[in-house]
Amino acid sequence: VPVERLDGVTRERFLRDIYPRRKPVVLTGLELGACTTKWTIDYLSQAEGSKEVKIHVSAVPQMDFLSKNFVYRTLPFDVFVRRAAEVKHKEYFLTEDEKYYLRSVGEDVRKDIADIRKQFPSLAEDVHIPEYFEKEQFFSSVFRISSAGLQLWTHYDVMDNFLIQVTGKKRVVLYSPRDAPYLYLSGTKSEVLDVDNPDLEKYPLFVKAKRYQCVLEAGDVLFIPALWFHNVISEEFGVALNVFWKHLPTESYDKTDTYGNKDPIAASRAIQILDRALKTLEELPEEYRDFYARRMVLRIQEKAYRNDYG
């Protein structure tokens, strides 16, 4: 299913008509500032100079967060930008066609949140972030640069976000939170890496997940509602900025979450309680365990499932 594209959407229209639907949408024709024209490879590498950045380096295009098929390395920013823009490398860590990925982080990864204004202040001046939410809801602004061909694993975040494609081109595949049962989750991530040619012997239910897709061109902004799964391929070398904001009360979120992807506190607690309940059932023989587990599933369905959105 193609993701809807809408041109020149005002803040009022977004908040009134689009936001409450909780579906992804591509916003085009927004005023993003000078970044869309200024951010050439030369300009980027000069703007932040030789400041050290920590990057992911992967020998294969499909990055897998579960098997960790990449390494972390440090490079001066200007060297990194030039390398990420090349297809074949004269200097490299793993292979001459390795892929690079920068996801900016706070000064102290465990405590500080990514904010382009703090980590890349001179670049931040070039960007006008669409203010479709209140200032106090702001959580993070994550600066991202990726090599052509790099694919990020399918995952969900617990906050709403805008993916602002400043330069280059990305393909994004999305799945609704309702299709979580078919995505073979491990935490916030799906085990199905290759969404185009999935291994259906290993992941037979994956065919049931309804696939939404869009291609982001330079200047496009994708609204990704919280809990929507997304898988991103950079079709070209490109620079993007993610902006996350809180739409739940601040106290709902895990205080140690610097990435915007730890489950809300109440959800984590509920899962722990459920794990304890399942452990308690193990005290019973199998036929009883099966019977009471089925009754528990029914109660969860009756109490918690929504059936009003498609």
Foldseek 3Di string as FASTA:
>chain_A
DAAAEDEPDALVCCVPPPVVQQDKYKYFHDCWFQLLPQPDLVNQCVQQDFQKAKKWKAPDQQQDPVVRRTDIDIGGRNVLSVQLQDQAQPDDDPHRRIKMKGKDADPDNQAAAAACCPPRVSVVVRTDDRPSDDPVQWQYKIKMWIHASHKYFKFFFQFKKKKAWAAAKKKKKKFALVCVVQQCDDQRTGPQRPLPDGPCVVRVSVVVTDIYIDMDHHRMMMINHGSMIMMMGGNHTTIIMMITGHPDPPQQQDNSDRPRHHHGPVVVVVVVVVVVVLVVLVVDPDVVSVVVVVVVVVVCCVPPDDDPHD
